[in-house]
Protein backbone atom coordinates (compact mmCIF):
# COMPACT_ATOMS: atom_id res chain seq x y z
CA UNK A 1 104.39 122.87 98.11
CA UNK A 2 102.48 119.63 97.74
CA UNK A 3 101.86 118.63 94.17
CA UNK A 4 98.79 116.56 93.39
CA UNK A 5 99.39 113.58 91.12
CA UNK A 6 97.42 113.87 87.90
CA UNK A 7 96.75 110.85 85.78
CA UNK A 8 97.68 107.27 86.31
CA UNK A 9 100.84 105.19 86.44
CA UNK A 10 100.31 101.84 84.76
CA UNK A 11 101.92 98.96 86.59
CA UNK A 12 103.00 97.35 83.38
CA UNK A 13 103.75 98.39 79.86
CA UNK A 14 100.40 97.13 78.56
CA UNK A 15 96.95 96.42 79.88
CA UNK A 16 97.26 92.76 80.75
CA UNK A 17 100.36 90.88 81.88
CA UNK A 18 100.76 87.22 82.66
CA UNK A 19 103.14 86.28 85.42
CA UNK A 20 104.71 83.64 83.22
CA UNK A 21 107.10 81.41 85.10
CA UNK A 22 106.45 83.01 88.48
CA UNK A 23 104.60 80.77 90.92
CA UNK A 24 102.58 81.92 93.91
CA UNK A 25 100.09 84.70 94.45
CA UNK A 26 101.29 87.49 92.16
CA UNK A 27 99.03 89.81 90.21
CA UNK A 28 97.65 88.44 86.98
CA UNK A 29 96.90 91.71 85.25
CA UNK A 30 97.17 95.47 85.59
CA UNK A 31 94.67 98.10 84.54
CA UNK A 32 94.68 101.86 84.33
CA UNK A 33 92.36 104.19 86.23
CA UNK A 34 91.01 107.28 84.57
CA UNK A 35 90.55 109.32 87.72
CA UNK A 36 92.80 112.04 89.10
CA UNK A 37 92.83 111.22 92.80
CA UNK A 38 94.99 108.15 92.87
CA UNK A 39 98.07 106.52 91.47
CA UNK A 40 98.47 102.92 90.39
CA UNK A 41 95.44 100.69 90.02
CA UNK A 42 95.55 96.93 89.66
CA UNK A 43 93.19 94.03 89.10
CA UNK A 44 94.06 92.78 92.57
CA UNK A 45 95.70 89.58 93.73
CA UNK A 46 95.19 86.74 96.18
CA UNK A 47 94.53 87.72 99.78
CA UNK A 48 97.24 85.31 100.94
CA UNK A 49 99.84 86.40 98.36
CA UNK A 50 103.55 86.51 99.00
CA UNK A 51 104.74 90.04 99.79
CA UNK A 52 108.48 90.58 99.49
CA UNK A 53 110.28 93.07 101.70
CA UNK A 54 113.93 93.82 100.87
CA UNK A 55 115.60 95.79 103.68
CA UNK A 56 119.14 97.22 103.44
CA UNK A 57 120.40 95.83 106.76
CA UNK A 58 119.49 95.27 110.39
CA UNK A 59 122.36 97.29 111.84
CA UNK A 60 120.27 100.00 113.48
CA UNK A 61 117.18 99.84 115.64
CA UNK A 62 114.80 101.28 113.05
CA UNK A 63 115.63 98.56 110.52
CA UNK A 64 115.37 95.82 113.16
CA UNK A 65 111.94 97.20 114.03
CA UNK A 66 110.97 97.25 110.35
CA UNK A 67 111.97 93.59 110.00
CA UNK A 68 109.82 92.57 112.95
CA UNK A 69 106.87 94.84 112.13
CA UNK A 70 106.63 93.91 108.45
CA UNK A 71 106.54 90.23 109.38
CA UNK A 72 103.84 90.83 111.99
CA UNK A 73 101.67 93.34 110.12
CA UNK A 74 101.74 91.47 106.80
CA UNK A 75 100.90 88.19 108.52
CA UNK A 76 98.07 89.87 110.47
CA UNK A 77 96.71 91.16 107.14
CA UNK A 78 96.63 87.61 105.78
CA UNK A 79 99.65 87.85 103.48
CA UNK A 80 102.71 85.60 103.40
CA UNK A 81 105.66 87.85 104.33
CA UNK A 82 109.06 87.22 102.76
CA UNK A 83 111.35 89.66 104.56
CA UNK A 84 115.10 89.72 103.96
CA UNK A 85 117.97 92.10 104.80
CA UNK A 86 121.08 92.63 102.69
CA UNK A 87 123.83 93.57 105.17
CA UNK A 88 124.28 96.85 103.25
CA UNK A 89 125.51 94.95 100.16
CA UNK A 90 123.95 95.85 96.80
CA UNK A 91 124.61 92.46 95.10
CA UNK A 92 123.02 90.66 98.04
CA UNK A 93 119.93 92.85 97.83
CA UNK A 94 119.70 92.30 94.08
CA UNK A 95 119.81 88.53 94.65
CA UNK A 96 117.16 88.75 97.35
CA UNK A 97 114.82 90.67 95.05
CA UNK A 98 115.46 88.07 92.33
CA UNK A 99 114.35 85.35 94.76
CA UNK A 100 111.19 87.30 95.59
CA UNK A 101 110.37 87.52 91.89
CA UNK A 102 110.89 83.78 91.55
CA UNK A 103 108.58 83.18 94.53
CA UNK A 104 105.82 85.05 92.68
CA UNK A 105 105.56 87.98 95.06
CA UNK A 106 102.60 90.22 94.29
CA UNK A 107 104.36 93.28 95.74
CA UNK A 108 108.00 93.92 96.62
CA UNK A 109 108.78 96.59 99.19
CA UNK A 110 112.35 97.89 98.91
CA UNK A 111 114.42 99.87 101.38
CA UNK A 112 117.39 100.22 99.02
CA UNK A 113 121.01 99.81 100.04
CA UNK A 114 121.81 102.17 97.16
CA UNK A 115 118.81 103.73 95.49
CA UNK A 116 120.61 104.03 92.14
CA UNK A 117 121.68 100.39 91.74
CA UNK A 118 118.46 98.38 91.53
CA UNK A 119 117.02 99.43 88.18
CA UNK A 120 117.60 96.19 86.27
CA UNK A 121 116.20 93.80 88.86
CA UNK A 122 113.21 96.05 89.59
CA UNK A 123 112.44 96.31 85.89
CA UNK A 124 112.38 92.52 85.85
CA UNK A 125 109.86 92.67 88.70
CA UNK A 126 107.72 95.17 86.80
CA UNK A 127 107.82 92.99 83.70
CA UNK A 128 106.43 90.16 85.85
CA UNK A 129 103.51 92.36 86.93
CA UNK A 130 104.88 92.94 90.43
CA UNK A 131 104.23 96.27 92.14
CA UNK A 132 107.27 97.95 93.70
CA UNK A 133 107.01 100.23 96.73
CA UNK A 134 110.04 102.11 98.02
CA UNK A 135 110.34 102.14 101.80
CA UNK A 136 112.02 105.01 103.68
CA UNK A 137 114.29 105.85 100.72
CA UNK A 138 113.75 106.98 97.14
CA UNK A 139 114.49 104.42 94.42
CA UNK A 140 116.28 106.26 91.62
CA UNK A 141 116.92 106.02 87.88
CA UNK A 142 114.17 103.54 87.06
CA UNK A 143 110.54 103.65 86.03
CA UNK A 144 109.94 100.40 87.93
CA UNK A 145 108.73 101.96 91.16
CA UNK A 146 105.07 102.64 91.86
CA UNK A 147 105.29 104.63 95.09
CA UNK A 148 107.58 105.53 98.00
CA UNK A 149 106.56 105.70 101.65
CA UNK A 150 108.87 107.82 103.79
CA UNK A 151 109.19 110.54 106.37
CA UNK A 152 109.96 113.90 104.78
CA UNK A 153 113.75 113.93 104.44
CA UNK A 154 114.18 117.67 103.89
CA UNK A 155 111.82 118.36 106.78
CA UNK A 156 113.77 115.92 108.96
CA UNK A 157 116.96 117.87 108.26
CA UNK A 158 115.26 121.18 109.01
CA UNK A 159 114.17 119.82 112.39
CA UNK A 160 117.70 118.58 113.10
CA UNK A 161 119.21 121.97 112.27
CA UNK A 162 116.69 123.92 114.35
CA UNK A 163 117.08 121.53 117.27
CA UNK A 164 120.85 122.10 117.22
CA UNK A 165 120.30 125.85 117.37
CA UNK A 166 117.78 125.50 120.19
CA UNK A 167 120.13 123.28 122.17
CA UNK A 168 123.06 125.66 121.75
CA UNK A 169 120.97 128.57 123.03
CA UNK A 170 119.75 126.60 126.04
CA UNK A 171 122.97 124.84 127.05
CA UNK A 172 125.76 127.12 125.88
CA UNK A 173 124.41 130.63 126.44
CA UNK A 174 125.15 133.34 123.91
CA UNK A 175 127.13 132.67 120.74
CA UNK A 176 129.16 132.55 118.71
CA UNK A 177 129.30 128.75 118.85
CA UNK A 178 131.98 126.41 117.55
CA UNK A 179 130.37 123.55 115.69
CA UNK A 180 131.09 120.71 113.28
CA UNK A 181 128.87 119.01 110.74
CA UNK A 182 128.30 115.30 110.01
CA UNK A 183 126.30 113.74 107.19
CA UNK A 184 125.00 110.26 106.57
CA UNK A 185 125.96 107.61 104.05
CA UNK A 186 126.34 109.03 100.52
CA UNK A 187 124.66 105.98 98.93
CA UNK A 188 121.45 106.72 100.85
CA UNK A 189 119.36 109.25 98.89
CA UNK A 190 117.94 110.57 102.17
CA UNK A 191 121.36 111.54 103.55
CA UNK A 192 122.04 114.58 101.33
CA UNK A 193 118.44 115.67 101.81
CA UNK A 194 118.83 115.56 105.60
CA UNK A 195 121.95 117.69 105.22
CA UNK A 196 120.30 120.10 102.78
CA UNK A 197 117.39 120.60 105.15
CA UNK A 198 119.68 121.18 108.12
CA UNK A 199 121.89 123.61 106.23
CA UNK A 200 118.87 125.66 105.15
CA UNK A 201 118.54 126.46 108.85
CA UNK A 202 122.22 126.60 109.80
CA UNK A 203 123.80 128.36 106.82
CA UNK A 204 122.31 131.80 107.62
CA UNK A 205 123.75 131.49 111.13
CA UNK A 206 127.13 130.49 109.69
CA UNK A 207 126.98 133.50 107.37
CA UNK A 208 126.22 135.96 110.16
CA UNK A 209 128.89 134.53 112.47
CA UNK A 210 126.60 132.98 115.07
CA UNK A 211 127.96 129.57 114.12
CA UNK A 212 131.63 128.91 113.38
CA UNK A 213 132.55 125.67 111.63
CA UNK A 214 136.13 125.63 112.87
CA UNK A 215 137.33 122.95 110.44
CA UNK A 216 135.80 124.76 107.46
CA UNK A 217 134.19 121.48 106.34
CA UNK A 218 130.70 122.49 105.24
CA UNK A 219 130.01 120.48 102.07
CA UNK A 220 128.16 117.18 102.16
CA UNK A 221 131.01 115.45 100.35
CA UNK A 222 133.36 116.56 103.14
CA UNK A 223 131.16 115.53 106.04
CA UNK A 224 129.41 112.36 104.78
CA UNK A 225 129.87 109.16 106.79
CA UNK A 226 130.36 106.14 104.50
CA UNK A 227 127.86 103.37 105.20
CA UNK A 228 126.47 105.32 108.17
CA UNK A 229 129.33 103.66 110.06
CA UNK A 230 129.58 104.82 113.69
CA UNK A 231 133.23 103.83 113.93
CA UNK A 232 134.11 105.92 110.87
CA UNK A 233 132.23 108.85 112.38
CA UNK A 234 134.12 108.53 115.65
CA UNK A 235 137.44 108.37 113.80
CA UNK A 236 136.58 111.58 111.94
CA UNK A 237 135.48 113.27 115.17
CA UNK A 238 138.74 112.24 116.86
CA UNK A 239 140.65 113.85 114.00
CA UNK A 240 138.59 117.03 114.12
CA UNK A 241 139.10 117.44 117.84
CA UNK A 242 142.84 116.77 117.73
CA UNK A 243 143.37 118.94 114.66
CA UNK A 244 141.17 121.95 115.42
CA UNK A 245 140.13 121.94 119.09
CA UNK A 246 143.29 121.42 121.11
CA UNK A 247 142.91 124.96 122.48
CA UNK A 248 139.18 125.57 122.15
CA UNK A 249 135.85 124.09 123.10
CA UNK A 250 133.44 122.50 120.67
CA UNK A 251 129.90 123.63 121.44
CA UNK A 252 127.77 121.55 119.11
CA UNK A 253 127.69 118.99 116.33
CA UNK A 254 125.11 118.31 113.64
CA UNK A 255 124.61 114.55 113.60
CA UNK A 256 122.56 112.70 110.95
CA UNK A 257 121.43 109.85 113.24
CA UNK A 258 121.58 108.52 116.76
CA UNK A 259 124.40 106.03 116.33
CA UNK A 260 126.69 108.72 114.94
CA UNK A 261 125.54 111.09 117.70
CA UNK A 262 126.69 108.63 120.34
CA UNK A 263 130.01 108.16 118.54
CA UNK A 264 130.50 111.93 118.52
CA UNK A 265 129.74 112.18 122.23
CA UNK A 266 132.16 109.35 123.03
CA UNK A 267 134.91 111.08 121.08
CA UNK A 268 134.28 114.40 122.82
CA UNK A 269 134.35 112.74 126.24
CA UNK A 270 137.59 110.93 125.48
CA UNK A 271 139.14 114.23 124.35
CA UNK A 272 138.22 115.88 127.65
CA UNK A 273 135.65 118.21 126.09
CA UNK A 274 132.52 119.33 127.85
CA UNK A 275 129.42 117.64 126.47
CA UNK A 276 128.58 119.30 123.14
CA UNK A 277 125.03 119.80 121.92
CA UNK A 278 124.33 116.92 119.53
CA UNK A 279 121.12 116.08 117.71
CA UNK A 280 120.21 112.71 116.17
CA UNK A 281 117.64 110.68 114.29
CA UNK A 282 115.60 107.49 114.78
CA UNK A 283 114.83 107.65 118.52
CA UNK A 284 117.02 104.65 119.28
CA UNK A 285 116.76 103.28 122.80
CA UNK A 286 120.36 104.09 123.74
CA UNK A 287 119.91 107.67 122.62
CA UNK A 288 116.61 108.06 124.44
CA UNK A 289 118.40 107.00 127.63
CA UNK A 290 121.20 109.46 126.81
CA UNK A 291 118.71 112.29 126.21
CA UNK A 292 116.93 111.55 129.47
CA UNK A 293 120.30 111.59 131.25
CA UNK A 294 121.12 115.01 129.79
CA UNK A 295 123.86 113.98 127.36
CA UNK A 296 122.57 113.78 123.79
CA UNK A 297 120.43 116.86 123.26
CA UNK A 298 117.77 115.53 120.89
CA UNK A 299 116.69 113.01 118.32
CA UNK A 300 114.10 113.06 115.56
CA UNK A 301 111.52 110.30 115.90
CA UNK A 302 110.31 108.54 112.76
CA UNK A 303 108.01 105.88 114.24
CA UNK A 304 108.62 102.65 112.37
CA UNK A 305 105.15 101.31 113.11
CA UNK A 306 103.57 104.23 111.26
CA UNK A 307 105.86 103.83 108.26
CA UNK A 308 105.26 100.09 108.04
CA UNK A 309 101.54 100.60 108.63
CA UNK A 310 101.26 103.09 105.76
CA UNK A 311 103.11 100.69 103.46
CA UNK A 312 100.78 97.81 104.39
CA UNK A 313 97.82 100.12 103.77
CA UNK A 314 98.99 100.63 100.18
CA UNK A 315 99.54 96.89 99.74
CA UNK A 316 95.98 96.21 100.92
CA UNK A 317 94.63 98.70 98.36
CA UNK A 318 96.54 96.94 95.59
CA UNK A 319 95.29 93.55 96.76
CA UNK A 320 91.71 94.80 96.54
CA UNK A 321 92.32 96.11 93.03
CA UNK A 322 91.85 99.71 94.15
CA UNK A 323 93.74 102.76 92.94
CA UNK A 324 96.28 104.01 95.42
CA UNK A 325 95.17 107.14 97.28
CA UNK A 326 96.40 110.54 96.16
CA UNK A 327 100.06 111.00 97.16
CA UNK A 328 101.29 113.77 99.39
CA UNK A 329 103.95 114.78 96.89
CA UNK A 330 105.98 113.54 93.95
CA UNK A 331 109.73 113.33 93.45
CA UNK A 332 111.86 113.13 90.32
CA UNK A 333 113.91 109.94 90.51
CA UNK A 334 115.77 110.64 87.27
CA UNK A 335 113.35 108.63 85.13
CA UNK A 336 109.88 109.55 86.34
CA UNK A 337 107.88 111.50 88.89
CA UNK A 338 107.38 109.05 91.74
CA UNK A 339 104.38 109.28 94.06
CA UNK A 340 105.51 110.01 97.61
CA UNK A 341 103.43 109.10 100.67
CA UNK A 342 105.01 111.25 103.34
CA UNK A 343 104.75 111.16 107.12
CA UNK A 344 105.83 113.88 109.54
CA UNK A 345 108.76 113.35 111.94
CA UNK A 346 108.96 114.94 115.40
CA UNK A 347 111.85 116.31 117.48
CA UNK A 348 112.35 114.62 120.85
CA UNK A 349 114.16 116.29 123.76
CA UNK A 350 114.09 115.57 127.46
CA UNK A 351 111.37 118.19 127.79
CA UNK A 352 108.83 116.42 125.56
CA UNK A 353 109.96 112.78 125.57
CA UNK A 354 107.20 111.56 127.88
CA UNK A 355 104.57 113.20 125.70
CA UNK A 356 106.01 111.88 122.43
CA UNK A 357 106.31 108.32 123.74
CA UNK A 358 103.06 108.28 125.69
CA UNK A 359 101.73 105.51 123.42
CA UNK A 360 105.05 103.66 123.11
CA UNK A 361 105.39 101.58 126.29
CA UNK A 362 108.85 100.27 125.39
CA UNK A 363 110.42 103.70 124.97
CA UNK A 364 108.37 105.24 127.77
CA UNK A 365 109.84 102.67 130.15
CA UNK A 366 113.31 104.01 129.37
CA UNK A 367 112.47 107.41 130.88
CA UNK A 368 113.30 106.70 134.49
């Protein structure tokens, strides 16, 4: 159920904050808004202000797209983009955020490497009057976050789980089906939510015997893939196949993203297995080609341009001194209820790929 945000989150501890030593185009004061429709309100800041964007890494297509699109969309809006990526290293991301504070950023957008490890540096940003927007992932255990823009993580998992069931029925005939489960990186707050959403669909089918997890590994802690590392996923899949499938076929695998899906498929092929039904996430180019060729069954598209566009929309509202629009939901980050601006993902299979990518010339060109 969507919960409407009531009241206002102040961007600073008191009504007016000076930026102090920070140079550049940061906000000079913060005010509260007495209405009930929006979140944070601010006095506004310069139209050409520095906007910091701290990304976790550029190791997958969606983060490479975010890097390019933030630079382009922020520049088109008249801002000065300062976009950096942290190679999945928390200390590096902390240092990058520190540098954005020193540059006098008016807003810092953060796709956290680890959503629990940025409290101190983000509180320093808040003390300087800088708005903080989480991107794609929840920022946890701090009050120094004003909003999060993301695709619904539980809903994404539900779509992944249902897509796996649909693929098994279409490709493998009647059950029961032998399957295995993979999760994403445990430091990413989205990863357990993806898994929770998927298991809400799959667990009833495990309980009634339609699905058989041959390894018995059904807990997130057992199936998580550290750092979302494709090589680690393939190593685990190799072990599963050699340990549990020497005399049986694997029918399907729950995969948390496209890179891991391709690693799973490579492992299955090398083990002499028929192609299992494997879902994915992020609509990466390689996986779109694989889906069109009839290998990977599906992916879940989370269009980066929409996510970046929504984030820039919020930044523009702050620049104009307007209250943020009413959020779609809120989430408890351990310290506060954080406003969530949530977009809807979509499942992509060979059957609907042309329709889904009708307005995405780059991906549409892959379907040939």
